[in-house]
Amino acid sequence: MSAYLTNLSYENAVYATGAEVTDADVQDLQIVENWLNRPASEWAVQKIGVLQSKIEQYSYRIYHSSRYGKHPIAKLIPAFTLIQYANEALGYDGWSLEVTNVNVTSFRQVSEEAGAASSSESTVEPKYEVLTEAHVKVVLKDGTYTQSEGFGKSISPNKGDCYNKSKKEAINNALKKSFLKFETMVLDHEKKVASNYYVDGLYGSRRRSKQPS
């Protein structure tokens, strides 16, 4: 008999904790699985497949056009297009975006155009450059999620506008990367299923109950 159970499943298990066990303790013990870069249900696998099909159709049209060259799809596909595909594939309530961090990495006044800077009578309005880094999570309704970082840059004579545009670009960049990670997630998941990698069931356990005091 094998020393390792390959048909063990926790799919319907309910984990219970005592009244004095806090939610922080539960997180530390990792009783409830972390679904980063791993599908939490068959629903996620199916819906991500639909989403990926839409992305592939878009990339096929892009890469067969000589206008765009061979840039990464994350650079070519607009964020609003990915959001549209996600709503169609996952449902409007099937996913959510969580911005976890926004960091201004650089803020400076940029040099004015040649000639204008050397003129003492120049009335050219100064411009500012802001570089921003954002971290986001794209979470599906079953708990599956990916996370990525994105970067944004903006130049504007208005400091507030400059920051807002840079922040928006960074968040959109991270959003696109997070959505595009779902393909790799599913491909990796399928390889692990084929090799009997999971010993806690394909989707483990996601339920926990609190015992009354």
Protein backbone atom coordinates (compact mmCIF):
# COMPACT_ATOMS: atom_id res chain seq x y z
CA MET A 1 0.00 0.00 0.00
CA SER A 2 1.32 3.42 -0.90
CA ALA A 3 2.43 5.63 1.96
CA TYR A 4 0.76 8.59 0.24
CA LEU A 5 -2.98 8.91 -0.34
CA THR A 6 -3.69 10.14 -3.85
CA ASN A 7 -7.48 9.87 -3.61
CA LEU A 8 -7.88 11.87 -0.40
CA SER A 9 -10.44 14.67 -0.68
CA TYR A 10 -11.41 17.51 1.64
CA GLU A 11 -13.99 18.84 -0.80
CA ASN A 12 -16.91 18.63 1.65
CA ALA A 13 -14.97 19.06 4.88
CA VAL A 14 -15.96 21.76 7.34
CA TYR A 15 -13.19 23.05 9.59
CA ALA A 16 -14.29 24.07 13.08
CA THR A 17 -12.55 26.38 15.52
CA GLY A 18 -13.17 27.05 19.17
CA ALA A 19 -14.81 30.22 20.42
CA GLU A 20 -11.47 31.61 21.56
CA VAL A 21 -9.71 31.12 18.23
CA THR A 22 -9.59 34.46 16.43
CA ASP A 23 -9.72 35.11 12.70
CA ALA A 24 -6.07 36.18 12.93
CA ASP A 25 -5.20 32.75 14.34
CA VAL A 26 -7.03 31.10 11.46
CA GLN A 27 -5.00 33.11 8.96
CA ASP A 28 -1.74 32.16 10.70
CA LEU A 29 -2.66 28.48 10.75
CA GLN A 30 -3.67 28.62 7.08
CA ILE A 31 -6.73 26.49 7.78
CA VAL A 32 -8.53 28.04 4.84
CA GLU A 33 -6.62 27.62 1.58
CA ASN A 34 -4.99 30.46 -0.26
CA TRP A 35 -6.31 30.45 -3.84
CA LEU A 36 -3.60 32.65 -5.33
CA ASN A 37 -2.75 31.32 -8.80
CA ARG A 38 -4.86 28.17 -8.28
CA PRO A 39 -8.49 27.64 -9.37
CA ALA A 40 -10.85 27.36 -6.40
CA SER A 41 -13.58 25.54 -8.35
CA GLU A 42 -14.52 23.94 -11.65
CA TRP A 43 -16.54 27.10 -12.35
CA ALA A 44 -13.29 29.10 -12.37
CA VAL A 45 -11.60 26.68 -14.78
CA GLN A 46 -14.53 26.83 -17.21
CA LYS A 47 -15.03 30.59 -17.07
CA ILE A 48 -11.32 31.35 -17.37
CA GLY A 49 -11.33 29.17 -20.49
CA VAL A 50 -14.10 31.32 -21.98
CA LEU A 51 -12.20 34.49 -21.08
CA GLN A 52 -8.99 33.17 -22.59
CA SER A 53 -10.78 32.27 -25.83
CA LYS A 54 -11.90 35.88 -26.20
CA ILE A 55 -8.38 37.16 -25.50
CA GLU A 56 -6.90 34.75 -28.05
CA GLN A 57 -9.34 35.92 -30.73
CA TYR A 58 -8.32 39.51 -30.04
CA SER A 59 -4.59 38.72 -30.09
CA TYR A 60 -4.99 36.78 -33.35
CA ARG A 61 -6.41 39.89 -35.03
CA ILE A 62 -3.68 42.07 -33.52
CA TYR A 63 -0.71 39.88 -34.44
CA HIS A 64 -1.95 39.42 -38.01
CA SER A 65 -1.91 43.16 -38.52
CA SER A 66 1.39 44.72 -39.57
CA ARG A 67 0.49 47.92 -37.74
CA TYR A 68 1.40 46.70 -34.26
CA GLY A 69 4.52 44.59 -34.54
CA LYS A 70 5.37 41.93 -31.97
CA HIS A 71 4.66 43.75 -28.73
CA PRO A 72 3.34 41.79 -25.71
CA ILE A 73 -0.44 41.45 -25.65
CA ALA A 74 -0.50 43.24 -22.27
CA LYS A 75 0.77 46.34 -24.04
CA LEU A 76 -1.63 46.14 -26.99
CA ILE A 77 -4.96 45.17 -25.47
CA PRO A 78 -6.83 48.05 -23.80
CA ALA A 79 -7.97 47.64 -20.20
CA PHE A 80 -11.58 48.42 -21.15
CA THR A 81 -11.53 45.55 -23.67
CA LEU A 82 -10.35 43.10 -21.01
CA ILE A 83 -13.03 44.37 -18.63
CA GLN A 84 -15.66 43.83 -21.32
CA TYR A 85 -14.41 40.28 -21.94
CA ALA A 86 -14.36 39.58 -18.18
CA ASN A 87 -17.94 40.76 -17.79
CA GLU A 88 -19.04 38.58 -20.70
CA ALA A 89 -17.13 35.48 -19.54
CA LEU A 90 -17.39 35.74 -15.75
CA GLY A 91 -20.50 37.85 -15.29
CA TYR A 92 -20.69 41.38 -13.93
CA ASP A 93 -20.75 39.99 -10.39
CA GLY A 94 -18.25 37.22 -11.11
CA TRP A 95 -15.10 39.18 -10.42
CA SER A 96 -13.81 42.21 -8.56
CA LEU A 97 -10.72 44.41 -8.53
CA GLU A 98 -8.90 45.26 -5.31
CA VAL A 99 -6.18 47.92 -5.34
CA THR A 100 -3.81 46.93 -2.54
CA ASN A 101 -1.07 49.53 -2.91
CA VAL A 102 -0.31 52.73 -4.83
CA ASN A 103 3.19 54.14 -4.57
CA VAL A 104 4.52 57.33 -6.17
CA THR A 105 8.07 56.36 -7.11
CA SER A 106 9.12 59.66 -8.70
CA PHE A 107 7.87 63.25 -8.87
CA ARG A 108 9.84 65.99 -10.59
CA GLN A 109 9.57 69.09 -12.74
CA VAL A 110 10.70 68.26 -16.25
CA SER A 111 12.87 70.46 -18.44
CA GLU A 112 11.09 72.82 -20.77
CA GLU A 113 11.55 72.66 -24.50
CA ALA A 114 14.90 73.74 -25.86
CA GLY A 115 15.08 77.48 -26.30
CA ALA A 116 12.16 78.23 -24.01
CA ALA A 117 14.14 77.36 -20.92
CA SER A 118 16.96 79.73 -21.86
CA SER A 119 14.68 82.70 -22.45
CA SER A 120 14.25 84.94 -19.44
CA GLU A 121 10.95 86.17 -20.90
CA SER A 122 9.56 82.69 -21.41
CA THR A 123 5.98 82.23 -20.29
CA VAL A 124 5.93 78.49 -20.93
CA GLU A 125 4.07 76.78 -18.10
CA PRO A 126 6.24 74.28 -16.20
CA LYS A 127 5.37 70.61 -16.50
CA TYR A 128 5.66 67.81 -13.98
CA GLU A 129 6.37 64.11 -14.32
CA VAL A 130 4.95 61.49 -11.97
CA LEU A 131 5.86 57.80 -11.96
CA THR A 132 3.49 55.52 -10.05
CA GLU A 133 3.52 51.84 -9.09
CA ALA A 134 0.28 50.02 -8.22
CA HIS A 135 -0.44 46.55 -6.86
CA VAL A 136 -3.85 44.97 -7.51
CA LYS A 137 -5.75 41.71 -7.01
CA VAL A 138 -8.34 40.38 -9.43
CA VAL A 139 -10.63 38.12 -7.39
CA LEU A 140 -13.23 35.77 -8.86
CA LYS A 141 -16.43 35.13 -6.93
CA ASP A 142 -15.30 31.64 -5.87
CA GLY A 143 -12.10 32.99 -4.27
CA THR A 144 -9.68 32.35 -7.13
CA TYR A 145 -7.37 35.32 -7.60
CA THR A 146 -4.24 36.65 -9.21
CA GLN A 147 -2.20 39.69 -8.29
CA SER A 148 0.22 41.89 -10.21
CA GLU A 149 2.04 45.17 -10.13
CA GLY A 150 1.76 47.84 -12.78
CA PHE A 151 3.50 51.09 -13.63
CA GLY A 152 2.27 54.42 -14.89
CA LYS A 153 3.84 57.66 -16.11
CA SER A 154 2.30 61.04 -16.81
CA ILE A 155 3.53 64.52 -17.72
CA SER A 156 1.24 67.49 -17.20
CA PRO A 157 1.37 71.15 -16.11
CA ASN A 158 -1.15 70.30 -13.37
CA LYS A 159 0.28 68.27 -10.48
CA GLY A 160 -3.04 66.74 -9.51
CA ASP A 161 -3.92 65.70 -13.04
CA CYS A 162 -0.43 64.34 -13.50
CA TYR A 163 -0.74 62.09 -10.45
CA ASN A 164 -4.26 60.91 -11.29
CA LYS A 165 -3.32 59.98 -14.85
CA SER A 166 -0.19 58.17 -13.68
CA LYS A 167 -2.16 56.28 -11.01
CA LYS A 168 -4.85 55.25 -13.49
CA GLU A 169 -2.25 54.00 -15.96
CA ALA A 170 -0.48 51.99 -13.24
CA ILE A 171 -3.73 50.38 -12.07
CA ASN A 172 -4.81 49.56 -15.63
CA ASN A 173 -1.39 48.07 -16.33
CA ALA A 174 -1.61 45.86 -13.23
CA LEU A 175 -5.21 44.92 -14.04
CA LYS A 176 -4.25 43.70 -17.51
CA LYS A 177 -1.34 41.66 -16.16
CA SER A 178 -3.59 40.06 -13.53
CA PHE A 179 -6.22 39.03 -16.08
CA LEU A 180 -3.57 37.62 -18.42
CA LYS A 181 -2.15 35.50 -15.58
CA PHE A 182 -5.30 33.39 -15.49
CA GLU A 183 -4.21 31.50 -18.63
CA THR A 184 -0.94 30.41 -17.01
CA MET A 185 -2.87 29.46 -13.87
CA VAL A 186 -5.20 27.09 -15.70
CA LEU A 187 -2.43 25.53 -17.80
CA ASP A 188 -0.39 24.88 -14.64
CA HIS A 189 -3.49 23.50 -12.91
CA GLU A 190 -4.15 21.05 -15.74
CA LYS A 191 -0.57 19.77 -15.58
CA LYS A 192 -0.86 19.23 -11.83
CA VAL A 193 -4.18 17.40 -12.21
CA ALA A 194 -2.64 15.10 -14.83
CA SER A 195 0.25 14.26 -12.51
CA ASN A 196 -1.95 13.72 -9.40
CA TYR A 197 -0.22 16.65 -7.73
CA TYR A 198 -3.14 17.54 -5.45
CA VAL A 199 -3.64 15.34 -2.37
CA ASP A 200 -6.25 17.63 -0.77
CA GLY A 201 -8.72 17.26 -3.64
CA LEU A 202 -8.75 19.40 -6.75
CA TYR A 203 -10.27 22.33 -4.95
CA GLY A 204 -9.52 21.51 -1.31
CA SER A 205 -11.87 22.89 1.33
CA ARG A 206 -13.29 26.37 1.55
CA ARG A 207 -15.65 26.14 4.49
CA ARG A 208 -15.10 26.80 8.17
CA SER A 209 -17.55 26.88 11.07
CA LYS A 210 -17.28 28.56 14.45
CA GLN A 211 -18.20 26.46 17.48
CA PRO A 212 -20.51 28.24 19.92
CA SER A 213 -19.02 29.34 23.21
